[in-house]
Amino acid sequence: EGDQAAAEQYFQHALALAPDFVLPRTALASLR
């Protein structure tokens, strides 16, 4: 939907819950 701020919050929260979870880590890296 083009909402980078919301996407970042979701990915950050996922990483806070599970730092080893690859997919939100790579998705956030891609966003960066």
Full PDB file with SEQRES, HELIX, SHEET, SSBOND, CRYST1, ORIGX, SCALE, CONECT and MASTER records, all heavy atoms in Angstrom:
SEQRES   1 A   32  GLU GLY ASP GLN ALA ALA ALA GLU GLN TYR PHE GLN HIS          
SEQRES   2 A   32  ALA LEU ALA LEU ALA PRO ASP PHE VAL LEU PRO ARG THR          
SEQRES   3 A   32  ALA LEU ALA SER LEU ARG                                      
HELIX    1 AA1 GLN A    4  LEU A   17  1                                  14    
HELIX    2 AA2 VAL A   22  LEU A   31  1                                  10    
CRYST1    1.000    1.000    1.000  90.00  90.00  90.00 P 1           1          
ORIGX1      1.000000  0.000000  0.000000        0.00000                         
ORIGX2      0.000000  1.000000  0.000000        0.00000                         
ORIGX3      0.000000  0.000000  1.000000        0.00000                         
SCALE1      1.000000  0.000000  0.000000        0.00000                         
SCALE2      0.000000  1.000000  0.000000        0.00000                         
SCALE3      0.000000  0.000000  1.000000        0.00000                         
ATOM      1  N   GLU A   1       0.819  -1.216   0.000  1.00  0.00           N  
ATOM      2  CA  GLU A   1       0.000   0.000   0.000  1.00  0.00           C  
ATOM      3  C   GLU A   1       0.852   1.265   0.000  1.00  0.00           C  
ATOM      4  O   GLU A   1       0.322   2.371   0.014  1.00  0.00           O  
ATOM      5  CB  GLU A   1      -0.946  -0.015   1.203  1.00  0.00           C  
ATOM      6  CG  GLU A   1      -1.987  -1.114   1.110  1.00  0.00           C  
ATOM      7  CD  GLU A   1      -2.835  -1.241   2.365  1.00  0.00           C  
ATOM      8  OE1 GLU A   1      -2.419  -0.762   3.443  1.00  0.00           O  
ATOM      9  OE2 GLU A   1      -3.918  -1.838   2.260  1.00  0.00           O  
ATOM     10  N   GLY A   2       2.168   1.101   0.024  1.00  0.00           N  
ATOM     11  CA  GLY A   2       3.058   2.257  -0.002  1.00  0.00           C  
ATOM     12  C   GLY A   2       3.255   2.918   1.349  1.00  0.00           C  
ATOM     13  O   GLY A   2       3.772   4.026   1.414  1.00  0.00           O  
ATOM     14  N   ASP A   3       2.849   2.269   2.410  1.00  0.00           N  
ATOM     15  CA  ASP A   3       2.980   2.832   3.753  1.00  0.00           C  
ATOM     16  C   ASP A   3       4.248   2.287   4.420  1.00  0.00           C  
ATOM     17  O   ASP A   3       4.205   1.334   5.198  1.00  0.00           O  
ATOM     18  CB  ASP A   3       1.738   2.498   4.579  1.00  0.00           C  
ATOM     19  CG  ASP A   3       1.687   3.236   5.904  1.00  0.00           C  
ATOM     20  OD1 ASP A   3       2.714   3.830   6.316  1.00  0.00           O  
ATOM     21  OD2 ASP A   3       0.612   3.218   6.542  1.00  0.00           O  
ATOM     22  N   GLN A   4       5.374   2.907   4.106  1.00  0.00           N  
ATOM     23  CA  GLN A   4       6.654   2.437   4.628  1.00  0.00           C  
ATOM     24  C   GLN A   4       6.743   2.538   6.139  1.00  0.00           C  
ATOM     25  O   GLN A   4       7.336   1.676   6.785  1.00  0.00           O  
ATOM     26  CB  GLN A   4       7.816   3.206   3.984  1.00  0.00           C  
ATOM     27  CG  GLN A   4       8.024   2.867   2.541  1.00  0.00           C  
ATOM     28  CD  GLN A   4       9.270   3.529   1.967  1.00  0.00           C  
ATOM     29  OE1 GLN A   4       9.955   4.299   2.634  1.00  0.00           O  
ATOM     30  NE2 GLN A   4       9.565   3.226   0.723  1.00  0.00           N  
ATOM     31  N   ALA A   5       6.156   3.579   6.704  1.00  0.00           N  
ATOM     32  CA  ALA A   5       6.219   3.753   8.163  1.00  0.00           C  
ATOM     33  C   ALA A   5       5.506   2.603   8.877  1.00  0.00           C  
ATOM     34  O   ALA A   5       6.031   2.037   9.846  1.00  0.00           O  
ATOM     35  CB  ALA A   5       5.613   5.090   8.563  1.00  0.00           C  
ATOM     36  N   ALA A   6       4.325   2.238   8.403  1.00  0.00           N  
ATOM     37  CA  ALA A   6       3.596   1.117   9.019  1.00  0.00           C  
ATOM     38  C   ALA A   6       4.346  -0.192   8.802  1.00  0.00           C  
ATOM     39  O   ALA A   6       4.461  -1.009   9.721  1.00  0.00           O  
ATOM     40  CB  ALA A   6       2.187   1.020   8.454  1.00  0.00           C  
ATOM     41  N   ALA A   7       4.869  -0.388   7.597  1.00  0.00           N  
ATOM     42  CA  ALA A   7       5.620  -1.613   7.308  1.00  0.00           C  
ATOM     43  C   ALA A   7       6.804  -1.736   8.261  1.00  0.00           C  
ATOM     44  O   ALA A   7       7.045  -2.804   8.834  1.00  0.00           O  
ATOM     45  CB  ALA A   7       6.107  -1.602   5.859  1.00  0.00           C  
ATOM     46  N   GLU A   8       7.509  -0.636   8.436  1.00  0.00           N  
ATOM     47  CA  GLU A   8       8.657  -0.631   9.330  1.00  0.00           C  
ATOM     48  C   GLU A   8       8.251  -1.011  10.753  1.00  0.00           C  
ATOM     49  O   GLU A   8       8.924  -1.799  11.416  1.00  0.00           O  
ATOM     50  CB  GLU A   8       9.305   0.755   9.315  1.00  0.00           C  
ATOM     51  CG  GLU A   8      10.586   0.820  10.085  1.00  0.00           C  
ATOM     52  CD  GLU A   8      11.303   2.138   9.858  1.00  0.00           C  
ATOM     53  OE1 GLU A   8      11.165   2.734   8.771  1.00  0.00           O  
ATOM     54  OE2 GLU A   8      12.016   2.547  10.785  1.00  0.00           O  
ATOM     55  N   GLN A   9       7.130  -0.485  11.216  1.00  0.00           N  
ATOM     56  CA  GLN A   9       6.661  -0.815  12.570  1.00  0.00           C  
ATOM     57  C   GLN A   9       6.353  -2.305  12.700  1.00  0.00           C  
ATOM     58  O   GLN A   9       6.730  -2.930  13.687  1.00  0.00           O  
ATOM     59  CB  GLN A   9       5.425   0.009  12.923  1.00  0.00           C  
ATOM     60  CG  GLN A   9       5.739   1.451  13.204  1.00  0.00           C  
ATOM     61  CD  GLN A   9       4.483   2.242  13.542  1.00  0.00           C  
ATOM     62  OE1 GLN A   9       3.379   1.943  13.081  1.00  0.00           O  
ATOM     63  NE2 GLN A   9       4.660   3.268  14.362  1.00  0.00           N  
ATOM     64  N   TYR A  10       5.676  -2.856  11.704  1.00  0.00           N  
ATOM     65  CA  TYR A  10       5.354  -4.284  11.755  1.00  0.00           C  
ATOM     66  C   TYR A  10       6.630  -5.139  11.753  1.00  0.00           C  
ATOM     67  O   TYR A  10       6.768  -6.075  12.541  1.00  0.00           O  
ATOM     68  CB  TYR A  10       4.459  -4.693  10.586  1.00  0.00           C  
ATOM     69  CG  TYR A  10       3.028  -4.258  10.737  1.00  0.00           C  
ATOM     70  CD1 TYR A  10       2.452  -3.388   9.810  1.00  0.00           C  
ATOM     71  CD2 TYR A  10       2.227  -4.715  11.781  1.00  0.00           C  
ATOM     72  CE1 TYR A  10       1.131  -2.990   9.930  1.00  0.00           C  
ATOM     73  CE2 TYR A  10       0.909  -4.318  11.912  1.00  0.00           C  
ATOM     74  CZ  TYR A  10       0.369  -3.459  10.989  1.00  0.00           C  
ATOM     75  OH  TYR A  10      -0.950  -3.061  11.111  1.00  0.00           O  
ATOM     76  N   PHE A  11       7.562  -4.806  10.871  1.00  0.00           N  
ATOM     77  CA  PHE A  11       8.804  -5.593  10.785  1.00  0.00           C  
ATOM     78  C   PHE A  11       9.626  -5.448  12.070  1.00  0.00           C  
ATOM     79  O   PHE A  11      10.177  -6.427  12.579  1.00  0.00           O  
ATOM     80  CB  PHE A  11       9.643  -5.179   9.573  1.00  0.00           C  
ATOM     81  CG  PHE A  11       8.969  -5.442   8.248  1.00  0.00           C  
ATOM     82  CD1 PHE A  11       9.120  -4.562   7.194  1.00  0.00           C  
ATOM     83  CD2 PHE A  11       8.198  -6.577   8.034  1.00  0.00           C  
ATOM     84  CE1 PHE A  11       8.524  -4.792   5.964  1.00  0.00           C  
ATOM     85  CE2 PHE A  11       7.584  -6.823   6.803  1.00  0.00           C  
ATOM     86  CZ  PHE A  11       7.754  -5.923   5.771  1.00  0.00           C  
ATOM     87  N   GLN A  12       9.708  -4.235  12.594  1.00  0.00           N  
ATOM     88  CA  GLN A  12      10.450  -4.001  13.842  1.00  0.00           C  
ATOM     89  C   GLN A  12       9.835  -4.803  14.987  1.00  0.00           C  
ATOM     90  O   GLN A  12      10.547  -5.387  15.798  1.00  0.00           O  
ATOM     91  CB  GLN A  12      10.459  -2.505  14.195  1.00  0.00           C  
ATOM     92  CG  GLN A  12      11.216  -1.655  13.219  1.00  0.00           C  
ATOM     93  CD  GLN A  12      12.678  -1.512  13.577  1.00  0.00           C  
ATOM     94  OE1 GLN A  12      13.201  -2.161  14.466  1.00  0.00           O  
ATOM     95  NE2 GLN A  12      13.349  -0.641  12.854  1.00  0.00           N  
ATOM     96  N   HIS A  13       8.505  -4.797  15.055  1.00  0.00           N  
ATOM     97  CA  HIS A  13       7.833  -5.532  16.123  1.00  0.00           C  
ATOM     98  C   HIS A  13       8.084  -7.035  15.973  1.00  0.00           C  
ATOM     99  O   HIS A  13       8.330  -7.736  16.959  1.00  0.00           O  
ATOM    100  CB  HIS A  13       6.340  -5.218  16.151  1.00  0.00           C  
ATOM    101  CG  HIS A  13       5.667  -5.726  17.381  1.00  0.00           C  
ATOM    102  ND1 HIS A  13       4.706  -6.699  17.344  1.00  0.00           N  
ATOM    103  CD2 HIS A  13       5.842  -5.416  18.700  1.00  0.00           C  
ATOM    104  CE1 HIS A  13       4.320  -6.973  18.579  1.00  0.00           C  
ATOM    105  NE2 HIS A  13       4.991  -6.206  19.419  1.00  0.00           N  
ATOM    106  N   ALA A  14       8.030  -7.528  14.746  1.00  0.00           N  
ATOM    107  CA  ALA A  14       8.313  -8.950  14.505  1.00  0.00           C  
ATOM    108  C   ALA A  14       9.724  -9.298  14.956  1.00  0.00           C  
ATOM    109  O   ALA A  14       9.946 -10.338  15.594  1.00  0.00           O  
ATOM    110  CB  ALA A  14       8.120  -9.277  13.022  1.00  0.00           C  
ATOM    111  N   LEU A  15      10.680  -8.433  14.663  1.00  0.00           N  
ATOM    112  CA  LEU A  15      12.072  -8.692  15.072  1.00  0.00           C  
ATOM    113  C   LEU A  15      12.245  -8.586  16.581  1.00  0.00           C  
ATOM    114  O   LEU A  15      13.064  -9.302  17.157  1.00  0.00           O  
ATOM    115  CB  LEU A  15      13.027  -7.733  14.361  1.00  0.00           C  
ATOM    116  CG  LEU A  15      13.237  -8.026  12.881  1.00  0.00           C  
ATOM    117  CD1 LEU A  15      14.113  -6.960  12.246  1.00  0.00           C  
ATOM    118  CD2 LEU A  15      13.830  -9.402  12.685  1.00  0.00           C  
ATOM    119  N   ALA A  16      11.481  -7.708  17.209  1.00  0.00           N  
ATOM    120  CA  ALA A  16      11.548  -7.614  18.670  1.00  0.00           C  
ATOM    121  C   ALA A  16      11.041  -8.910  19.303  1.00  0.00           C  
ATOM    122  O   ALA A  16      11.581  -9.365  20.314  1.00  0.00           O  
ATOM    123  CB  ALA A  16      10.729  -6.425  19.166  1.00  0.00           C  
ATOM    124  N   LEU A  17      10.028  -9.511  18.683  1.00  0.00           N  
ATOM    125  CA  LEU A  17       9.478 -10.763  19.190  1.00  0.00           C  
ATOM    126  C   LEU A  17      10.387 -11.959  18.888  1.00  0.00           C  
ATOM    127  O   LEU A  17      10.504 -12.880  19.698  1.00  0.00           O  
ATOM    128  CB  LEU A  17       8.096 -11.026  18.572  1.00  0.00           C  
ATOM    129  CG  LEU A  17       6.981 -10.081  18.985  1.00  0.00           C  
ATOM    130  CD1 LEU A  17       5.751 -10.315  18.114  1.00  0.00           C  
ATOM    131  CD2 LEU A  17       6.642 -10.266  20.463  1.00  0.00           C  
ATOM    132  N   ALA A  18      10.989 -11.947  17.702  1.00  0.00           N  
ATOM    133  CA  ALA A  18      11.805 -13.087  17.261  1.00  0.00           C  
ATOM    134  C   ALA A  18      12.978 -12.582  16.432  1.00  0.00           C  
ATOM    135  O   ALA A  18      12.902 -12.526  15.204  1.00  0.00           O  
ATOM    136  CB  ALA A  18      10.955 -14.059  16.448  1.00  0.00           C  
ATOM    137  N   PRO A  19      14.078 -12.205  17.085  1.00  0.00           N  
ATOM    138  CA  PRO A  19      15.222 -11.629  16.375  1.00  0.00           C  
ATOM    139  C   PRO A  19      15.822 -12.546  15.304  1.00  0.00           C  
ATOM    140  O   PRO A  19      16.458 -12.067  14.372  1.00  0.00           O  
ATOM    141  CB  PRO A  19      16.248 -11.365  17.477  1.00  0.00           C  
ATOM    142  CG  PRO A  19      15.466 -11.362  18.742  1.00  0.00           C  
ATOM    143  CD  PRO A  19      14.272 -12.232  18.520  1.00  0.00           C  
ATOM    144  N   ASP A  20      15.604 -13.850  15.421  1.00  0.00           N  
ATOM    145  CA  ASP A  20      16.156 -14.782  14.439  1.00  0.00           C  
ATOM    146  C   ASP A  20      15.224 -15.026  13.251  1.00  0.00           C  
ATOM    147  O   ASP A  20      15.580 -15.787  12.348  1.00  0.00           O  
ATOM    148  CB  ASP A  20      16.472 -16.130  15.097  1.00  0.00           C  
ATOM    149  CG  ASP A  20      17.647 -16.042  16.042  1.00  0.00           C  
ATOM    150  OD1 ASP A  20      18.457 -15.105  15.900  1.00  0.00           O  
ATOM    151  OD2 ASP A  20      17.761 -16.907  16.926  1.00  0.00           O  
ATOM    152  N   PHE A  21      14.059 -14.412  13.235  1.00  0.00           N  
ATOM    153  CA  PHE A  21      13.115 -14.627  12.149  1.00  0.00           C  
ATOM    154  C   PHE A  21      13.639 -13.913  10.903  1.00  0.00           C  
ATOM    155  O   PHE A  21      13.762 -12.695  10.867  1.00  0.00           O  
ATOM    156  CB  PHE A  21      11.734 -14.124  12.559  1.00  0.00           C  
ATOM    157  CG  PHE A  21      10.615 -14.519  11.636  1.00  0.00           C  
ATOM    158  CD1 PHE A  21      10.656 -15.674  10.868  1.00  0.00           C  
ATOM    159  CD2 PHE A  21       9.493 -13.735  11.546  1.00  0.00           C  
ATOM    160  CE1 PHE A  21       9.617 -16.026  10.028  1.00  0.00           C  
ATOM    161  CE2 PHE A  21       8.438 -14.073  10.713  1.00  0.00           C  
ATOM    162  CZ  PHE A  21       8.503 -15.217   9.954  1.00  0.00           C  
ATOM    163  N   VAL A  22      13.956 -14.682   9.890  1.00  0.00           N  
ATOM    164  CA  VAL A  22      14.649 -14.179   8.703  1.00  0.00           C  
ATOM    165  C   VAL A  22      13.782 -13.235   7.876  1.00  0.00           C  
ATOM    166  O   VAL A  22      14.259 -12.182   7.429  1.00  0.00           O  
ATOM    167  CB  VAL A  22      15.133 -15.362   7.829  1.00  0.00           C  
ATOM    168  CG1 VAL A  22      15.722 -14.879   6.520  1.00  0.00           C  
ATOM    169  CG2 VAL A  22      16.133 -16.214   8.605  1.00  0.00           C  
ATOM    170  N   LEU A  23      12.540 -13.581   7.630  1.00  0.00           N  
ATOM    171  CA  LEU A  23      11.732 -12.822   6.672  1.00  0.00           C  
ATOM    172  C   LEU A  23      11.496 -11.358   7.050  1.00  0.00           C  
ATOM    173  O   LEU A  23      11.667 -10.487   6.199  1.00  0.00           O  
ATOM    174  CB  LEU A  23      10.421 -13.557   6.388  1.00  0.00           C  
ATOM    175  CG  LEU A  23      10.620 -14.941   5.746  1.00  0.00           C  
ATOM    176  CD1 LEU A  23       9.281 -15.645   5.566  1.00  0.00           C  
ATOM    177  CD2 LEU A  23      11.375 -14.853   4.444  1.00  0.00           C  
ATOM    178  N   PRO A  24      11.134 -11.027   8.293  1.00  0.00           N  
ATOM    179  CA  PRO A  24      11.004  -9.595   8.583  1.00  0.00           C  
ATOM    180  C   PRO A  24      12.360  -8.881   8.571  1.00  0.00           C  
ATOM    181  O   PRO A  24      12.441  -7.705   8.234  1.00  0.00           O  
ATOM    182  CB  PRO A  24      10.360  -9.542   9.965  1.00  0.00           C  
ATOM    183  CG  PRO A  24      10.560 -10.880  10.558  1.00  0.00           C  
ATOM    184  CD  PRO A  24      10.685 -11.847   9.422  1.00  0.00           C  
ATOM    185  N   ARG A  25      13.414  -9.612   8.882  1.00  0.00           N  
ATOM    186  CA  ARG A  25      14.758  -9.023   8.859  1.00  0.00           C  
ATOM    187  C   ARG A  25      15.146  -8.659   7.421  1.00  0.00           C  
ATOM    188  O   ARG A  25      15.633  -7.561   7.151  1.00  0.00           O  
ATOM    189  CB  ARG A  25      15.767 -10.001   9.472  1.00  0.00           C  
ATOM    190  CG  ARG A  25      17.178  -9.464   9.554  1.00  0.00           C  
ATOM    191  CD  ARG A  25      18.075 -10.409  10.346  1.00  0.00           C  
ATOM    192  NE  ARG A  25      17.726 -10.413  11.761  1.00  0.00           N  
ATOM    193  CZ  ARG A  25      18.096  -9.464  12.628  1.00  0.00           C  
ATOM    194  NH1 ARG A  25      18.816  -8.444  12.228  1.00  0.00           N  
ATOM    195  NH2 ARG A  25      17.736  -9.546  13.882  1.00  0.00           N  
ATOM    196  N   THR A  26      14.907  -9.580   6.483  1.00  0.00           N  
ATOM    197  CA  THR A  26      15.252  -9.287   5.095  1.00  0.00           C  
ATOM    198  C   THR A  26      14.297  -8.260   4.486  1.00  0.00           C  
ATOM    199  O   THR A  26      14.715  -7.430   3.680  1.00  0.00           O  
ATOM    200  CB  THR A  26      15.277 -10.567   4.239  1.00  0.00           C  
ATOM    201  OG1 THR A  26      14.014 -11.233   4.317  1.00  0.00           O  
ATOM    202  CG2 THR A  26      16.392 -11.500   4.676  1.00  0.00           C  
ATOM    203  N   ALA A  27      13.031  -8.301   4.899  1.00  0.00           N  
ATOM    204  CA  ALA A  27      12.070  -7.308   4.394  1.00  0.00           C  
ATOM    205  C   ALA A  27      12.451  -5.910   4.875  1.00  0.00           C  
ATOM    206  O   ALA A  27      12.408  -4.948   4.097  1.00  0.00           O  
ATOM    207  CB  ALA A  27      10.657  -7.665   4.836  1.00  0.00           C  
ATOM    208  N   LEU A  28      12.848  -5.794   6.122  1.00  0.00           N  
ATOM    209  CA  LEU A  28      13.268  -4.493   6.648  1.00  0.00           C  
ATOM    210  C   LEU A  28      14.572  -4.044   5.984  1.00  0.00           C  
ATOM    211  O   LEU A  28      14.727  -2.863   5.650  1.00  0.00           O  
ATOM    212  CB  LEU A  28      13.417  -4.552   8.170  1.00  0.00           C  
ATOM    213  CG  LEU A  28      13.681  -3.233   8.876  1.00  0.00           C  
ATOM    214  CD1 LEU A  28      12.614  -2.187   8.554  1.00  0.00           C  
ATOM    215  CD2 LEU A  28      13.761  -3.458  10.394  1.00  0.00           C  
ATOM    216  N   ALA A  29      15.484  -4.976   5.746  1.00  0.00           N  
ATOM    217  CA  ALA A  29      16.729  -4.636   5.044  1.00  0.00           C  
ATOM    218  C   ALA A  29      16.418  -4.150   3.631  1.00  0.00           C  
ATOM    219  O   ALA A  29      17.006  -3.172   3.160  1.00  0.00           O  
ATOM    220  CB  ALA A  29      17.667  -5.842   5.010  1.00  0.00           C  
ATOM    221  N   SER A  30      15.491  -4.803   2.967  1.00  0.00           N  
ATOM    222  CA  SER A  30      15.090  -4.386   1.622  1.00  0.00           C  
ATOM    223  C   SER A  30      14.495  -2.978   1.644  1.00  0.00           C  
ATOM    224  O   SER A  30      14.789  -2.149   0.775  1.00  0.00           O  
ATOM    225  CB  SER A  30      14.089  -5.389   1.060  1.00  0.00           C  
ATOM    226  OG  SER A  30      13.691  -5.012  -0.223  1.00  0.00           O  
ATOM    227  N   LEU A  31      13.689  -2.703   2.651  1.00  0.00           N  
ATOM    228  CA  LEU A  31      13.122  -1.365   2.809  1.00  0.00           C  
ATOM    229  C   LEU A  31      14.243  -0.340   3.008  1.00  0.00           C  
ATOM    230  O   LEU A  31      14.215   0.743   2.422  1.00  0.00           O  
ATOM    231  CB  LEU A  31      12.141  -1.344   3.988  1.00  0.00           C  
ATOM    232  CG  LEU A  31      11.456  -0.029   4.292  1.00  0.00           C  
ATOM    233  CD1 LEU A  31      10.653   0.484   3.102  1.00  0.00           C  
ATOM    234  CD2 LEU A  31      10.556  -0.189   5.514  1.00  0.00           C  
ATOM    235  N   ARG A  32      15.228  -0.686   3.815  1.00  0.00           N  
ATOM    236  CA  ARG A  32      16.367   0.219   4.039  1.00  0.00           C  
ATOM    237  C   ARG A  32      17.135   0.482   2.735  1.00  0.00           C  
ATOM    238  O   ARG A  32      17.594   1.591   2.485  1.00  0.00           O  
ATOM    239  CB  ARG A  32      17.315  -0.358   5.091  1.00  0.00           C  
ATOM    240  CG  ARG A  32      16.723  -0.424   6.469  1.00  0.00           C  
ATOM    241  CD  ARG A  32      16.577   0.975   7.064  1.00  0.00           C  
ATOM    242  NE  ARG A  32      16.107   0.893   8.420  1.00  0.00           N  
ATOM    243  CZ  ARG A  32      14.857   1.151   8.787  1.00  0.00           C  
ATOM    244  NH1 ARG A  32      13.968   1.524   7.902  1.00  0.00           N  
ATOM    245  NH2 ARG A  32      14.500   1.054  10.049  1.00  0.00           N  
TER     246      ARG A  32                                                      
MASTER        0    0    0    2    0    0    0    6  245    1    0    3          
END                                                                             
